[in-house]
Amino acid sequence: MGRNFFTDTEGIDTIPLKMVVYLVITGCVLALIAISWNAIVPLKQGYDVEKQLSEASLELLSLQRGKARDLSLLFSTEGSMCSLELDFPREITYVGFGVDPDPDNDGNVTNSAWNMENNTIIYGYDNGVRKRWLIEGENINFCQGFRADSGKWFPDNTLDPSTNMDKGVVIEKPVSGTYVFELVRNNGTYTLSHFS
């Protein structure tokens, strides 16, 4: 005896129950994927930052072996240069080259004296976490630069030396773009920033 598809009601009450079970299982799987993704993203961002800092360290170390522009000579040719490509997450508020710009860890890089830390790159997050990246090798002295009317870059002497803000280089949020450094000589060798 054949069954009619439209009139067969055997097991009809299990179909909605199966749909509910399948939807619950699908929801649980999606929730687990979302939780896993939220745990993976910070790890990936941290890895990307460290990869960029590793590349920047190599560039800065190779720059130290280059030719330095003598700032005491008016017509001295440009010194060796390097450019760093940085694209940090939005959560990073600053990056300090050779200096800790926020020693009191209050999120403000201008309200306290900077701590000199040559051969170190320090970066801070919105939540107050700070991390250090050590550049192993030759001593690197960083110096903030300004562009003169002649188009050449010189150390920014307008900054207050009592707070050490005339030493080191700080990039504030957003840390994204190309940052150029030049090797210069003026009572010592400095790695001068070509950005303000």
Protein backbone atom coordinates (compact mmCIF):
# COMPACT_ATOMS: atom_id res chain seq x y z
CA MET A 1 0.00 0.00 0.00
CA GLY A 2 1.41 3.33 -1.03
CA ARG A 3 1.53 6.41 1.18
CA ASN A 4 0.36 9.78 0.05
CA PHE A 5 2.94 12.44 0.74
CA PHE A 6 0.39 15.12 1.61
CA THR A 7 -1.73 13.01 3.91
CA ASP A 8 1.04 11.14 5.80
CA THR A 9 1.30 12.77 9.24
CA GLU A 10 3.45 10.15 10.89
CA GLY A 11 6.44 11.79 12.63
CA ILE A 12 5.27 15.32 11.83
CA ASP A 13 5.78 16.49 15.39
CA THR A 14 9.53 15.65 15.28
CA ILE A 15 10.32 18.01 12.42
CA PRO A 16 10.00 21.25 14.47
CA LEU A 17 11.98 19.64 17.29
CA LYS A 18 14.76 18.68 14.87
CA MET A 19 14.78 22.23 13.46
CA VAL A 20 15.19 23.68 16.95
CA VAL A 21 18.02 21.26 17.78
CA TYR A 22 19.83 22.05 14.51
CA LEU A 23 19.44 25.79 15.06
CA VAL A 24 20.79 25.51 18.62
CA ILE A 25 23.80 23.49 17.41
CA THR A 26 24.45 26.01 14.62
CA GLY A 27 24.20 28.89 17.11
CA CYS A 28 26.69 27.20 19.47
CA VAL A 29 29.15 26.63 16.63
CA LEU A 30 28.87 30.28 15.54
CA ALA A 31 29.33 31.46 19.14
CA LEU A 32 32.49 29.34 19.50
CA ILE A 33 33.85 30.74 16.22
CA ALA A 34 33.19 34.32 17.41
CA ILE A 35 34.87 33.68 20.78
CA SER A 36 37.86 32.08 19.07
CA TRP A 37 38.13 34.95 16.60
CA ASN A 38 38.14 37.53 19.41
CA ALA A 39 40.99 35.62 21.06
CA ILE A 40 42.97 35.27 17.84
CA VAL A 41 42.79 38.90 16.63
CA PRO A 42 44.91 40.41 19.47
CA LEU A 43 47.50 37.68 19.03
CA LYS A 44 47.70 38.37 15.30
CA GLN A 45 47.96 42.13 15.89
CA GLY A 46 50.74 41.58 18.43
CA TYR A 47 52.58 39.38 15.96
CA ASP A 48 52.21 42.02 13.21
CA VAL A 49 53.59 44.76 15.51
CA GLU A 50 56.58 42.63 16.49
CA LYS A 51 57.26 41.77 12.85
CA GLN A 52 57.25 45.47 11.92
CA LEU A 53 59.52 46.31 14.87
CA SER A 54 61.94 43.57 13.87
CA GLU A 55 62.17 45.00 10.35
CA ALA A 56 62.52 48.54 11.74
CA SER A 57 65.34 47.41 14.05
CA LEU A 58 67.27 45.95 11.14
CA GLU A 59 66.80 49.13 9.11
CA LEU A 60 67.94 51.34 11.99
CA LEU A 61 70.98 49.17 12.69
CA SER A 62 72.04 49.19 9.05
CA LEU A 63 71.62 52.99 9.03
CA GLN A 64 74.25 53.27 11.79
CA ARG A 65 76.86 51.89 9.39
CA GLY A 66 76.13 54.58 6.80
CA LYS A 67 77.50 58.06 6.11
CA ALA A 68 76.50 60.82 8.52
CA ARG A 69 75.71 64.37 7.36
CA ASP A 70 77.88 66.91 9.21
CA LEU A 71 75.49 69.56 10.56
CA SER A 72 78.35 72.03 11.15
CA LEU A 73 78.99 72.22 7.39
CA LEU A 74 76.38 74.33 5.62
CA PHE A 75 76.58 72.50 2.30
CA SER A 76 77.11 68.99 3.60
CA THR A 77 75.42 66.32 1.51
CA GLU A 78 72.60 64.23 2.93
CA GLY A 79 73.50 61.44 5.27
CA SER A 80 72.40 57.87 4.91
CA MET A 81 68.63 57.45 5.26
CA CYS A 82 66.15 54.72 5.96
CA SER A 83 62.38 54.69 5.84
CA LEU A 84 60.22 52.63 8.15
CA GLU A 85 56.78 51.45 7.10
CA LEU A 86 54.62 51.18 10.23
CA ASP A 87 50.96 50.28 10.42
CA PHE A 88 50.09 49.66 14.06
CA PRO A 89 46.62 48.88 15.44
CA ARG A 90 44.45 51.79 16.61
CA GLU A 91 44.89 50.66 20.21
CA ILE A 92 48.55 51.78 20.22
CA THR A 93 48.71 55.41 21.38
CA TYR A 94 52.41 56.15 20.93
CA VAL A 95 55.77 54.76 19.89
CA GLY A 96 58.97 56.11 21.41
CA PHE A 97 62.33 55.60 19.70
CA GLY A 98 65.16 55.76 22.25
CA VAL A 99 62.93 57.28 24.90
CA ASP A 100 60.10 56.41 27.28
CA PRO A 101 57.76 59.39 26.74
CA ASP A 102 55.27 58.30 29.41
CA PRO A 103 57.23 57.11 32.47
CA ASP A 104 54.29 57.77 34.81
CA ASN A 105 52.03 55.69 32.52
CA ASP A 106 49.11 58.12 32.55
CA GLY A 107 48.64 58.18 28.77
CA ASN A 108 50.01 61.73 28.37
CA VAL A 109 53.45 61.99 26.73
CA THR A 110 53.91 65.73 27.40
CA ASN A 111 53.31 66.11 31.16
CA SER A 112 56.48 64.50 32.55
CA ALA A 113 60.18 64.25 31.77
CA TRP A 114 61.09 61.55 29.29
CA ASN A 115 63.39 58.68 30.31
CA MET A 116 66.25 58.09 27.91
CA GLU A 117 66.44 54.49 26.72
CA ASN A 118 68.76 54.31 23.73
CA ASN A 119 68.39 51.26 21.51
CA THR A 120 64.83 50.75 22.70
CA ILE A 121 61.48 51.16 21.00
CA ILE A 122 58.65 51.56 23.51
CA TYR A 123 55.00 51.49 22.54
CA GLY A 124 51.91 51.96 24.67
CA TYR A 125 48.33 50.80 24.35
CA ASP A 126 45.10 52.63 25.24
CA ASN A 127 44.66 50.37 28.28
CA GLY A 128 48.02 51.43 29.79
CA VAL A 129 50.05 48.38 28.80
CA ARG A 130 53.53 49.28 27.56
CA LYS A 131 55.96 47.07 25.72
CA ARG A 132 59.66 47.43 24.96
CA TRP A 133 61.54 46.28 21.90
CA LEU A 134 65.31 46.18 22.34
CA ILE A 135 67.51 46.95 19.33
CA GLU A 136 70.65 44.94 19.90
CA GLY A 137 73.86 46.25 18.39
CA GLU A 138 75.49 49.63 18.10
CA ASN A 139 74.34 52.51 20.28
CA ILE A 140 71.60 54.53 18.57
CA ASN A 141 70.89 58.11 19.66
CA PHE A 142 67.55 59.31 18.32
CA CYS A 143 66.77 62.98 17.82
CA GLN A 144 63.56 64.77 16.80
CA GLY A 145 64.01 66.81 13.63
CA PHE A 146 62.42 69.89 12.10
CA ARG A 147 62.49 71.09 8.51
CA ALA A 148 64.28 74.41 7.96
CA ASP A 149 63.32 76.91 5.26
CA SER A 150 66.19 75.54 3.17
CA GLY A 151 64.39 72.18 3.06
CA LYS A 152 67.03 70.42 5.15
CA TRP A 153 66.28 68.72 8.44
CA PHE A 154 67.99 69.72 11.69
CA PRO A 155 67.64 68.75 15.36
CA ASP A 156 64.71 70.52 16.99
CA ASN A 157 66.42 72.82 19.52
CA THR A 158 63.13 74.42 20.60
CA LEU A 159 62.32 71.46 22.84
CA ASP A 160 63.03 71.64 26.57
CA PRO A 161 66.33 69.85 27.38
CA SER A 162 65.44 69.62 31.09
CA THR A 163 62.61 67.20 30.27
CA ASN A 164 64.72 65.23 27.73
CA MET A 165 62.09 66.03 25.10
CA ASP A 166 64.94 67.16 22.86
CA LYS A 167 66.15 63.55 22.81
CA GLY A 168 64.40 60.57 21.33
CA VAL A 169 61.60 60.49 18.79
CA VAL A 170 57.91 59.99 19.59
CA ILE A 171 55.11 59.18 17.18
CA GLU A 172 51.64 59.65 18.63
CA LYS A 173 48.44 57.96 17.53
CA PRO A 174 47.79 57.03 14.78
CA VAL A 175 51.05 55.16 14.16
CA SER A 176 50.62 54.48 10.50
CA GLY A 177 52.69 55.62 7.55
CA THR A 178 56.25 55.97 6.29
CA TYR A 179 58.77 57.44 8.73
CA VAL A 180 62.17 58.59 7.45
CA PHE A 181 65.35 58.77 9.54
CA GLU A 182 68.72 60.29 8.57
CA LEU A 183 72.14 59.75 10.08
CA VAL A 184 73.66 63.10 11.14
CA ARG A 185 76.75 64.20 13.06
CA ASN A 186 76.79 67.09 15.53
CA ASN A 187 78.92 66.50 18.65
CA GLY A 188 78.16 62.82 18.19
CA THR A 189 76.15 60.77 15.73
CA TYR A 190 72.34 60.94 15.81
CA THR A 191 69.49 59.27 14.01
CA LEU A 192 67.38 62.29 13.05
CA SER A 193 63.68 62.01 12.27
CA HIS A 194 62.34 63.59 9.08
CA PHE A 195 58.84 64.08 10.48
CA SER A 196 57.39 66.26 13.22
